[in-house]
Amino acid sequence: EVSWIDINPFSAIKPVPLKPACQRYYFTPEQIKLIMKNAAKFHDFYYLLLHTGIRCTDAYKLKPEHFESNYLKVQMNKTGDFLNIPIPEHVLELLEPRMANSTLFPLLSSDRQRRNCVKNIQRLFEPDFVRKNNINLHTFRHTYAHNMLNKGVPKEVLQTLLGHRSIKTTEIYANWVRKE
């Protein structure tokens, strides 16, 4: 529409309305207690996601060699970038018995078991609540980000911990925490 050409061929195309950015749902402390109480065989997996913020797709493939002292070093499935994040001591202690296996979570090697892992959380909430808030394993990542920002971790540090390429992605979390 800047008059470089007489007719804009795209003027007939209607713009796609963008969905307004909504707050990423995160688990409350009470919900986390409920989830962990009912986690059963998925307890360690949920605990890792909650305290590291890694994506579940990256956690599925974890092996003992990905842990070097108190750091987790893994290549992310989504971006291909390498993550090098500190692991809390209590998480390492919980995972110690699993270090003898070739993968940390062999139970989650099949799609069926991964679906069961998600359903194990979703069944704790009303179906409408699950749909409205998109409750899944990624919600642990949102919870981690929210908790870290509430503890005063700078968003630039959180960007590195979560493996975001752009600070704008991390700011989505930061903006909602500030509003609270």
Protein backbone atom coordinates (compact mmCIF):
# COMPACT_ATOMS: atom_id res chain seq x y z
CA GLU A 1 0.00 0.00 0.00
CA VAL A 2 2.96 2.39 -0.35
CA SER A 3 2.08 3.20 -3.99
CA TRP A 4 5.04 1.48 -5.62
CA ILE A 5 2.62 -0.46 -7.77
CA ASP A 6 -0.88 0.39 -8.95
CA ILE A 7 -2.62 -2.67 -7.51
CA ASN A 8 -1.54 -4.69 -4.49
CA PRO A 9 -2.17 -8.36 -5.32
CA PHE A 10 -2.48 -9.19 -1.62
CA SER A 11 -5.22 -6.65 -0.85
CA ALA A 12 -7.88 -9.31 -1.53
CA ILE A 13 -6.47 -11.57 1.18
CA LYS A 14 -8.08 -11.09 4.57
CA PRO A 15 -5.64 -10.85 7.48
CA VAL A 16 -5.67 -13.77 9.86
CA PRO A 17 -6.73 -12.68 13.33
CA LEU A 18 -4.08 -13.50 15.90
CA LYS A 19 -5.03 -15.14 19.15
CA PRO A 20 -4.25 -12.89 22.10
CA ALA A 21 -1.32 -14.11 24.14
CA CYS A 22 -2.65 -15.92 27.16
CA GLN A 23 -0.92 -16.82 30.35
CA ARG A 24 0.90 -20.12 30.33
CA TYR A 25 -0.69 -22.35 32.92
CA TYR A 26 1.58 -23.55 35.71
CA PHE A 27 0.90 -25.96 38.55
CA THR A 28 0.21 -24.56 41.99
CA PRO A 29 2.07 -26.04 44.99
CA GLU A 30 -1.10 -27.91 46.00
CA GLN A 31 -1.46 -29.39 42.51
CA ILE A 32 2.20 -30.44 42.52
CA LYS A 33 1.65 -32.28 45.83
CA LEU A 34 -1.39 -34.01 44.33
CA ILE A 35 0.51 -34.98 41.18
CA MET A 36 3.52 -36.32 43.08
CA LYS A 37 1.29 -38.21 45.51
CA ASN A 38 -0.37 -39.98 42.56
CA ALA A 39 2.69 -40.21 40.31
CA ALA A 40 3.48 -43.87 41.06
CA LYS A 41 6.04 -45.15 38.52
CA PHE A 42 6.33 -41.71 36.90
CA HIS A 43 7.43 -39.91 40.08
CA ASP A 44 11.12 -39.56 39.17
CA PHE A 45 10.28 -38.37 35.66
CA TYR A 46 7.87 -35.70 36.92
CA TYR A 47 10.39 -34.65 39.57
CA LEU A 48 13.10 -34.20 36.95
CA LEU A 49 10.83 -32.11 34.72
CA LEU A 50 9.69 -29.97 37.63
CA HIS A 51 13.20 -29.18 38.91
CA THR A 52 15.10 -28.81 35.64
CA GLY A 53 12.62 -27.29 33.20
CA ILE A 54 13.76 -29.50 30.33
CA ARG A 55 11.28 -30.59 27.69
CA CYS A 56 9.85 -34.06 28.11
CA THR A 57 11.10 -35.01 24.62
CA ASP A 58 14.64 -34.30 25.83
CA ALA A 59 14.09 -36.13 29.13
CA TYR A 60 12.89 -39.32 27.40
CA LYS A 61 16.32 -39.89 25.85
CA LEU A 62 18.48 -39.07 28.88
CA LYS A 63 21.40 -41.38 29.55
CA PRO A 64 23.93 -41.45 32.39
CA GLU A 65 26.58 -39.91 30.13
CA HIS A 66 24.49 -36.74 29.84
CA PHE A 67 25.32 -35.97 33.48
CA GLU A 68 28.73 -34.49 34.23
CA SER A 69 29.17 -33.70 37.93
CA ASN A 70 26.25 -31.35 38.71
CA TYR A 71 25.39 -30.47 35.10
CA LEU A 72 23.08 -31.92 32.52
CA LYS A 73 24.52 -31.73 29.01
CA VAL A 74 22.07 -32.69 26.28
CA GLN A 75 21.22 -31.71 22.73
CA MET A 76 17.62 -30.47 22.51
CA ASN A 77 15.28 -32.21 20.08
CA LYS A 78 13.39 -29.05 19.20
CA THR A 79 16.25 -26.75 18.22
CA GLY A 80 19.31 -28.96 18.03
CA ASP A 81 21.09 -26.61 20.42
CA PHE A 82 23.08 -27.97 23.34
CA LEU A 83 21.91 -27.39 26.89
CA ASN A 84 24.30 -27.25 29.79
CA ILE A 85 22.21 -26.72 32.88
CA PRO A 86 22.95 -27.16 36.57
CA ILE A 87 21.09 -30.00 38.28
CA PRO A 88 20.08 -29.61 41.94
CA GLU A 89 21.69 -32.09 44.29
CA HIS A 90 18.33 -33.52 45.40
CA VAL A 91 17.50 -34.39 41.77
CA LEU A 92 20.86 -36.13 41.31
CA GLU A 93 20.27 -38.15 44.49
CA LEU A 94 16.85 -39.22 43.24
CA LEU A 95 18.25 -40.27 39.85
CA GLU A 96 21.33 -42.05 41.25
CA PRO A 97 19.74 -45.56 41.22
CA ARG A 98 18.78 -45.04 37.56
CA MET A 99 22.37 -44.33 36.47
CA ALA A 100 23.09 -48.05 36.12
CA ASN A 101 20.67 -48.32 33.16
CA SER A 102 21.52 -47.44 29.57
CA THR A 103 18.67 -44.87 29.60
CA LEU A 104 17.31 -43.19 32.71
CA PHE A 105 13.66 -43.80 31.84
CA PRO A 106 13.37 -47.06 29.89
CA LEU A 107 9.73 -47.25 30.97
CA LEU A 108 9.00 -44.24 28.71
CA SER A 109 10.54 -45.67 25.56
CA SER A 110 7.18 -46.42 23.89
CA ASP A 111 4.53 -43.96 22.72
CA ARG A 112 1.93 -45.86 24.71
CA GLN A 113 3.80 -45.38 28.00
CA ARG A 114 4.39 -41.70 27.19
CA ARG A 115 0.66 -41.23 26.67
CA ASN A 116 0.02 -43.02 29.97
CA CYS A 117 2.45 -40.64 31.65
CA VAL A 118 0.43 -37.66 30.41
CA LYS A 119 -2.92 -39.27 31.22
CA ASN A 120 -1.70 -39.97 34.75
CA ILE A 121 -1.60 -36.21 35.33
CA GLN A 122 -4.69 -35.30 33.35
CA ARG A 123 -6.93 -37.73 35.20
CA LEU A 124 -6.33 -35.78 38.42
CA PHE A 125 -8.20 -32.77 37.01
CA GLU A 126 -11.62 -32.18 35.47
CA PRO A 127 -11.61 -32.75 31.68
CA ASP A 128 -12.77 -29.17 31.00
CA PHE A 129 -9.95 -27.82 33.16
CA VAL A 130 -7.41 -29.96 31.29
CA ARG A 131 -8.66 -28.72 27.90
CA LYS A 132 -8.94 -25.08 28.94
CA ASN A 133 -5.44 -24.95 30.44
CA ASN A 134 -3.77 -27.45 28.09
CA ILE A 135 -2.47 -29.59 30.94
CA ASN A 136 0.33 -31.87 29.74
CA LEU A 137 3.97 -32.63 30.53
CA HIS A 138 5.04 -29.25 29.14
CA THR A 139 3.16 -27.64 32.04
CA PHE A 140 6.07 -28.73 34.27
CA ARG A 141 8.31 -26.50 32.14
CA HIS A 142 5.96 -23.55 32.62
CA THR A 143 5.90 -24.25 36.36
CA TYR A 144 9.72 -24.33 36.48
CA ALA A 145 9.96 -21.01 34.61
CA HIS A 146 7.34 -19.39 36.81
CA ASN A 147 9.03 -20.59 40.02
CA MET A 148 12.48 -19.42 38.89
CA LEU A 149 11.22 -15.94 37.99
CA ASN A 150 9.41 -15.72 41.34
CA LYS A 151 12.71 -16.55 43.07
CA GLY A 152 14.32 -13.56 41.32
CA VAL A 153 16.29 -15.36 38.61
CA PRO A 154 16.99 -12.84 35.82
CA LYS A 155 15.16 -13.59 32.61
CA GLU A 156 18.47 -13.74 30.70
CA VAL A 157 19.64 -16.56 32.98
CA LEU A 158 16.30 -18.32 32.63
CA GLN A 159 16.60 -18.00 28.85
CA THR A 160 19.85 -19.98 29.03
CA LEU A 161 18.44 -22.59 31.42
CA LEU A 162 15.39 -23.19 29.22
CA GLY A 163 17.37 -23.11 25.98
CA HIS A 164 15.33 -20.34 24.39
CA ARG A 165 17.03 -18.76 21.38
CA SER A 166 15.15 -15.50 21.81
CA ILE A 167 14.67 -13.52 25.00
CA LYS A 168 11.17 -12.70 23.72
CA THR A 169 10.15 -16.30 24.33
CA THR A 170 11.34 -16.10 27.93
CA GLU A 171 9.66 -12.71 28.38
CA ILE A 172 6.29 -14.39 27.86
CA TYR A 173 6.79 -15.96 31.29
CA ALA A 174 8.35 -12.84 32.80
CA ASN A 175 5.43 -10.62 31.80
CA TRP A 176 2.88 -12.85 33.52
CA VAL A 177 4.94 -13.11 36.70
CA ARG A 178 5.26 -9.31 36.87
CA LYS A 179 1.47 -8.92 36.59
CA GLU A 180 0.96 -11.17 39.60
